[in-house]
Amino acid sequence: MISVYIIWGSTYLAIRFAIETIPPFLMAGVRFLIAGGILFGIRRCCGDAAPSYSEWRSAAIIGIFLLVGGNGGVVWAEQKVASGIAALLVGTAPLWMVLMDELHPAGRKPNRWAVFGLIFGFIGIIVLIGPPQISGLGVKVDLLGALVLILASLSWAIGSLYSRQALLPISPTLGTAMEMLTGGVGLLLLGILTGEFRQLNLPTLSGRSLIAFAYLIVFGSWIGFTAYTWLLRAAPTPLVSTYAYVNPVVAILLGHLLASEPLTPSTIIAAVIVVGSVASITVSPQGSRTIKTQMIKKEE
């Protein structure tokens, strides 16, 4: 459990270091192509059946929402927003999942804990990105970057909910590899369309960026994911779901300690509100199921 807390909480800072000299979409695209390609090859060599066209289509849809929209939004926004703030805003994905589940005609109505979590979660967002000159408690958060992160968490929530009924391989590891491959292709195309190849200058890539890039592949995509899938089988779901509100705290502390990101009163207050709201949703029956769905798909 500790490895999941630290590894996935640290990926936000690793992303910040990686995109210092590597264009964001290209970095993310190549990361997922390498991680997904090797993982796919291993699973096929271990005897997993070749995926059907329908399974590839489902994996592509999920990969677009989770990795292109979700992770792609994170890597782009971290050019403008501190890694700890990014983790906190992305951590609101369970709020969107419960809200969309409630609005869907076939969805379940939230109980009082889920309603409490939704209300206070969005209050936390307002506290985080509200004008600091009014409260005098924090530094200004780039509004465009914050908006992209909110949309990224919404995209992650949509992909997670879609995955409930999606036709995927029996092996969850093979399915995740397919999602990484299709999402990686989408991110690479996005990098090409936005002209990132013209920005890429191989001789100027820093050692810190390359180490962070390797860390994201090895620790974020492989070790973290492997530990997580083992926990899903061996540990109670409520315990494993605590990652959803521990990761932002780890990211904020690491960003402050290792990258000198400001730790302001407004950030602390917003973190307490958002983390508390996600925790309240986790303990509700509806939130427990939706977060479990998200956990199975999360590998960031």
Protein backbone atom coordinates (compact mmCIF):
# COMPACT_ATOMS: atom_id res chain seq x y z
CA MET A 1 0.00 0.00 0.00
CA ILE A 2 2.86 2.36 0.83
CA SER A 3 4.38 1.79 -2.61
CA VAL A 4 1.12 2.78 -4.32
CA TYR A 5 0.79 5.90 -2.16
CA ILE A 6 4.34 7.09 -2.85
CA ILE A 7 4.80 5.95 -6.44
CA TRP A 8 1.54 7.27 -7.85
CA GLY A 9 1.72 10.39 -5.71
CA SER A 10 5.22 11.05 -7.04
CA THR A 11 4.32 10.75 -10.72
CA TYR A 12 3.00 14.33 -10.79
CA LEU A 13 6.39 15.67 -9.81
CA ALA A 14 8.07 13.29 -12.25
CA ILE A 15 5.85 14.67 -15.02
CA ARG A 16 6.90 18.20 -14.12
CA PHE A 17 10.59 17.27 -14.34
CA ALA A 18 10.09 15.29 -17.56
CA ILE A 19 8.39 18.13 -19.46
CA GLU A 20 11.09 20.63 -18.52
CA THR A 21 12.94 19.70 -21.73
CA ILE A 22 10.61 17.16 -23.41
CA PRO A 23 7.41 18.40 -25.11
CA PRO A 24 4.49 17.17 -23.00
CA PHE A 25 2.37 15.23 -25.51
CA LEU A 26 5.37 13.56 -27.10
CA MET A 27 6.72 12.64 -23.68
CA ALA A 28 3.43 11.07 -22.61
CA GLY A 29 2.84 9.38 -25.97
CA VAL A 30 6.26 7.72 -26.10
CA ARG A 31 5.96 6.77 -22.42
CA PHE A 32 2.73 4.86 -22.93
CA LEU A 33 3.83 3.31 -26.22
CA ILE A 34 6.95 1.89 -24.57
CA ALA A 35 5.19 0.81 -21.38
CA GLY A 36 2.15 -0.58 -23.18
CA GLY A 37 4.14 -2.25 -25.95
CA ILE A 38 6.41 -4.18 -23.61
CA LEU A 39 3.54 -5.10 -21.28
CA PHE A 40 1.45 -6.27 -24.26
CA GLY A 41 4.32 -8.43 -25.53
CA ILE A 42 4.84 -10.01 -22.11
CA ARG A 43 1.16 -10.87 -21.70
CA ARG A 44 0.96 -12.40 -25.18
CA CYS A 45 4.08 -14.47 -24.48
CA CYS A 46 2.44 -15.62 -21.25
CA GLY A 47 -0.45 -17.05 -23.23
CA ASP A 48 -3.08 -14.33 -23.34
CA ALA A 49 -5.29 -14.67 -26.42
CA ALA A 50 -5.01 -12.19 -29.28
CA PRO A 51 -7.53 -9.36 -28.76
CA SER A 52 -10.50 -9.07 -31.10
CA TYR A 53 -11.41 -5.98 -33.10
CA SER A 54 -14.21 -5.16 -30.65
CA GLU A 55 -11.78 -5.37 -27.73
CA TRP A 56 -9.32 -3.07 -29.48
CA ARG A 57 -12.13 -0.61 -30.18
CA SER A 58 -13.18 -0.55 -26.52
CA ALA A 59 -9.56 -0.18 -25.42
CA ALA A 60 -9.11 2.72 -27.86
CA ILE A 61 -12.15 4.56 -26.51
CA ILE A 62 -10.98 4.09 -22.93
CA GLY A 63 -7.42 5.04 -23.87
CA ILE A 64 -8.61 8.25 -25.49
CA PHE A 65 -10.59 9.34 -22.44
CA LEU A 66 -8.15 8.17 -19.77
CA LEU A 67 -4.80 8.88 -21.37
CA VAL A 68 -5.31 11.42 -24.15
CA GLY A 69 -7.94 13.46 -22.33
CA GLY A 70 -6.94 12.62 -18.76
CA ASN A 71 -3.16 12.22 -18.71
CA GLY A 72 -2.73 14.48 -21.74
CA GLY A 73 -4.49 17.29 -19.91
CA VAL A 74 -2.25 16.76 -16.88
CA VAL A 75 1.05 16.86 -18.78
CA TRP A 76 0.01 19.98 -20.69
CA ALA A 77 -1.35 21.78 -17.62
CA GLU A 78 1.76 21.10 -15.55
CA GLN A 79 3.55 23.60 -17.79
CA LYS A 80 1.41 26.22 -16.03
CA VAL A 81 0.32 24.70 -12.71
CA ALA A 82 2.39 23.26 -9.85
CA SER A 83 2.46 19.46 -9.65
CA GLY A 84 0.79 19.42 -6.22
CA ILE A 85 -2.08 21.60 -7.43
CA ALA A 86 -2.43 19.36 -10.49
CA ALA A 87 -2.70 16.26 -8.31
CA LEU A 88 -5.32 17.93 -6.13
CA LEU A 89 -7.50 18.94 -9.09
CA VAL A 90 -7.15 15.55 -10.76
CA GLY A 91 -8.08 13.98 -7.44
CA THR A 92 -11.60 15.35 -7.94
CA ALA A 93 -12.32 12.66 -10.57
CA PRO A 94 -14.42 10.61 -8.10
CA LEU A 95 -16.65 13.67 -7.63
CA TRP A 96 -17.36 13.77 -11.37
CA MET A 97 -17.96 10.02 -11.47
CA VAL A 98 -20.57 10.15 -8.73
CA LEU A 99 -22.20 13.25 -10.27
CA MET A 100 -22.46 11.67 -13.73
CA ASP A 101 -23.73 8.43 -12.24
CA GLU A 102 -26.45 10.41 -10.49
CA LEU A 103 -27.43 12.30 -13.66
CA HIS A 104 -27.55 9.18 -15.82
CA PRO A 105 -31.09 7.78 -16.24
CA ALA A 106 -29.92 4.32 -15.20
CA GLY A 107 -27.59 5.59 -12.49
CA ARG A 108 -28.01 5.37 -8.75
CA LYS A 109 -29.00 8.32 -6.60
CA PRO A 110 -26.26 9.42 -4.18
CA ASN A 111 -26.78 9.09 -0.45
CA ARG A 112 -26.13 11.91 1.99
CA TRP A 113 -22.42 11.14 2.25
CA ALA A 114 -22.01 11.36 -1.52
CA VAL A 115 -24.01 14.62 -1.65
CA PHE A 116 -21.85 16.01 1.15
CA GLY A 117 -18.72 15.00 -0.73
CA LEU A 118 -19.89 16.56 -4.00
CA ILE A 119 -20.75 19.90 -2.42
CA PHE A 120 -17.58 20.25 -0.39
CA GLY A 121 -15.40 18.93 -3.18
CA PHE A 122 -16.45 21.72 -5.50
CA ILE A 123 -16.09 24.23 -2.65
CA GLY A 124 -12.51 23.00 -2.36
CA ILE A 125 -11.93 23.68 -6.05
CA ILE A 126 -13.24 27.22 -5.63
CA VAL A 127 -10.96 27.79 -2.64
CA LEU A 128 -7.99 26.46 -4.62
CA ILE A 129 -8.40 28.51 -7.79
CA GLY A 130 -10.27 31.50 -6.34
CA PRO A 131 -8.62 34.92 -6.59
CA PRO A 132 -5.82 34.94 -3.98
CA GLN A 133 -5.97 38.70 -3.79
CA ILE A 134 -9.39 38.35 -2.10
CA SER A 135 -8.29 35.95 0.63
CA GLY A 136 -4.67 36.98 0.80
CA LEU A 137 -3.81 33.39 1.66
CA GLY A 138 -2.15 32.04 -1.46
CA VAL A 139 -0.54 32.48 -4.83
CA LYS A 140 -2.37 32.84 -8.09
CA VAL A 141 -3.25 29.60 -9.87
CA ASP A 142 -3.25 29.77 -13.66
CA LEU A 143 -6.93 29.59 -14.57
CA LEU A 144 -6.40 28.02 -18.01
CA GLY A 145 -4.21 25.33 -16.52
CA ALA A 146 -6.74 24.71 -13.74
CA LEU A 147 -9.58 24.47 -16.28
CA VAL A 148 -7.64 21.95 -18.37
CA LEU A 149 -7.00 19.86 -15.23
CA ILE A 150 -10.69 19.91 -14.32
CA LEU A 151 -11.56 18.81 -17.86
CA ALA A 152 -8.87 16.12 -17.61
CA SER A 153 -10.42 14.73 -14.43
CA LEU A 154 -13.83 14.82 -16.14
CA SER A 155 -12.39 12.91 -19.11
CA TRP A 156 -10.89 10.36 -16.71
CA ALA A 157 -14.27 9.93 -15.04
CA ILE A 158 -16.05 9.42 -18.38
CA GLY A 159 -13.51 6.80 -19.46
CA SER A 160 -13.77 5.01 -16.12
CA LEU A 161 -17.56 4.87 -16.26
CA TYR A 162 -17.52 3.71 -19.89
CA SER A 163 -15.15 0.89 -18.96
CA ARG A 164 -17.85 -0.67 -16.76
CA GLN A 165 -19.66 -2.12 -19.76
CA ALA A 166 -16.81 -2.15 -22.29
CA LEU A 167 -15.84 -5.39 -24.02
CA LEU A 168 -12.22 -6.01 -22.97
CA PRO A 169 -9.91 -9.03 -22.73
CA ILE A 170 -10.29 -11.36 -19.76
CA SER A 171 -6.78 -10.42 -18.67
CA PRO A 172 -6.96 -6.94 -17.08
CA THR A 173 -3.21 -6.47 -17.60
CA LEU A 174 -3.54 -7.12 -21.34
CA GLY A 175 -6.48 -4.73 -21.50
CA THR A 176 -4.47 -2.02 -19.73
CA ALA A 177 -1.58 -2.57 -22.15
CA MET A 178 -3.97 -2.08 -25.07
CA GLU A 179 -5.30 1.12 -23.52
CA MET A 180 -1.75 2.40 -23.09
CA LEU A 181 -0.91 1.56 -26.70
CA THR A 182 -3.98 3.25 -28.18
CA GLY A 183 -3.72 6.20 -25.80
CA GLY A 184 -0.03 6.52 -26.60
CA VAL A 185 -0.80 6.70 -30.32
CA GLY A 186 -3.41 9.39 -29.65
CA LEU A 187 -0.99 11.44 -27.56
CA LEU A 188 1.72 11.09 -30.19
CA LEU A 189 -0.68 12.31 -32.90
CA LEU A 190 -1.68 15.21 -30.65
CA GLY A 191 1.98 16.11 -30.26
CA ILE A 192 2.45 16.05 -34.04
CA LEU A 193 -0.64 18.19 -34.66
CA THR A 194 0.48 20.79 -32.09
CA GLY A 195 3.94 21.05 -33.63
CA GLU A 196 5.86 19.49 -30.76
CA PHE A 197 8.33 17.74 -33.06
CA ARG A 198 9.59 21.18 -34.06
CA GLN A 199 10.13 21.97 -30.38
CA LEU A 200 12.00 18.74 -29.67
CA ASN A 201 15.76 19.26 -29.46
CA LEU A 202 17.50 16.03 -28.48
CA PRO A 203 20.88 17.58 -27.54
CA THR A 204 19.17 19.86 -25.01
CA LEU A 205 17.30 17.12 -23.15
CA SER A 206 18.34 17.32 -19.51
CA GLY A 207 19.41 14.38 -17.40
CA ARG A 208 16.65 15.18 -14.92
CA SER A 209 13.99 15.00 -17.63
CA LEU A 210 15.29 11.69 -18.95
CA ILE A 211 15.46 10.17 -15.46
CA ALA A 212 11.92 11.36 -14.74
CA PHE A 213 10.76 9.90 -18.08
CA ALA A 214 12.29 6.52 -17.22
CA TYR A 215 10.78 6.71 -13.72
CA LEU A 216 7.30 7.22 -15.20
CA ILE A 217 7.69 4.12 -17.36
CA VAL A 218 9.28 1.79 -14.81
CA PHE A 219 7.72 2.93 -11.55
CA GLY A 220 4.54 4.69 -12.65
CA SER A 221 3.39 2.30 -15.36
CA TRP A 222 4.91 -1.04 -14.38
CA ILE A 223 5.80 -1.34 -10.68
CA GLY A 224 2.95 0.85 -9.42
CA PHE A 225 0.41 -0.89 -11.61
CA THR A 226 1.65 -4.38 -10.65
CA ALA A 227 1.51 -3.55 -6.94
CA TYR A 228 -1.93 -2.11 -7.40
CA THR A 229 -3.42 -5.10 -9.21
CA TRP A 230 -2.02 -7.35 -6.47
CA LEU A 231 -3.65 -5.19 -3.80
CA LEU A 232 -7.00 -5.39 -5.60
CA ARG A 233 -6.88 -9.16 -5.12
CA ALA A 234 -5.34 -9.28 -1.64
CA ALA A 235 -6.62 -6.21 0.25
CA PRO A 236 -10.11 -4.87 1.11
CA THR A 237 -11.47 -2.40 -1.45
CA PRO A 238 -12.01 0.43 1.10
CA LEU A 239 -8.34 0.21 2.10
CA VAL A 240 -7.06 0.18 -1.47
CA SER A 241 -9.36 3.08 -2.42
CA THR A 242 -7.54 5.34 0.04
CA TYR A 243 -5.06 6.07 -2.76
CA ALA A 244 -7.64 8.50 -4.16
CA TYR A 245 -7.13 10.90 -1.29
CA VAL A 246 -3.56 10.05 -0.23
CA ASN A 247 -1.96 10.62 -3.65
CA PRO A 248 -2.72 14.39 -3.75
CA VAL A 249 -1.22 14.84 -0.27
CA VAL A 250 1.94 12.98 -1.28
CA ALA A 251 2.17 15.03 -4.49
CA ILE A 252 1.79 18.34 -2.65
CA LEU A 253 4.47 17.44 -0.08
CA LEU A 254 6.93 16.15 -2.69
CA GLY A 255 6.38 19.20 -4.88
CA HIS A 256 7.10 21.47 -1.93
CA LEU A 257 10.14 19.55 -0.67
CA LEU A 258 11.81 18.63 -3.97
CA ALA A 259 10.72 21.39 -6.34
CA SER A 260 10.15 24.32 -3.93
CA GLU A 261 6.50 24.59 -4.95
CA PRO A 262 4.69 27.01 -2.62
CA LEU A 263 2.70 25.45 0.21
CA THR A 264 0.25 28.22 0.99
CA PRO A 265 -2.66 28.39 3.46
CA SER A 266 -5.16 28.32 0.60
CA THR A 267 -3.56 25.16 -0.79
CA ILE A 268 -3.69 23.46 2.60
CA ILE A 269 -7.31 24.48 3.18
CA ALA A 270 -8.34 23.34 -0.32
CA ALA A 271 -6.47 20.06 0.14
CA VAL A 272 -8.27 19.33 3.41
CA ILE A 273 -11.66 20.09 1.82
CA VAL A 274 -11.07 18.12 -1.40
CA VAL A 275 -9.44 15.13 0.31
CA GLY A 276 -12.21 15.08 2.91
CA SER A 277 -14.89 15.20 0.23
CA VAL A 278 -13.33 12.31 -1.70
CA ALA A 279 -13.03 10.35 1.55
CA SER A 280 -16.72 10.88 2.30
CA ILE A 281 -17.63 9.63 -1.17
CA THR A 282 -15.39 6.60 -0.70
CA VAL A 283 -17.29 5.46 2.39
CA SER A 284 -20.64 5.69 0.59
CA PRO A 285 -21.89 2.54 -1.22
CA GLN A 286 -22.16 4.37 -4.54
CA GLY A 287 -18.76 5.98 -4.24
CA SER A 288 -17.12 2.71 -3.20
CA ARG A 289 -18.23 1.07 -6.44
CA THR A 290 -17.37 4.00 -8.71
CA ILE A 291 -13.94 4.49 -7.17
CA LYS A 292 -13.25 0.77 -7.45
CA THR A 293 -13.98 1.03 -11.18
CA GLN A 294 -11.60 3.97 -11.42
CA MET A 295 -8.93 2.13 -9.41
CA ILE A 296 -8.90 -0.82 -11.77
CA LYS A 297 -8.26 1.49 -14.72
CA LYS A 298 -5.86 3.93 -13.10
CA GLU A 299 -2.18 3.41 -13.80
CA GLU A 300 -0.90 6.97 -13.84
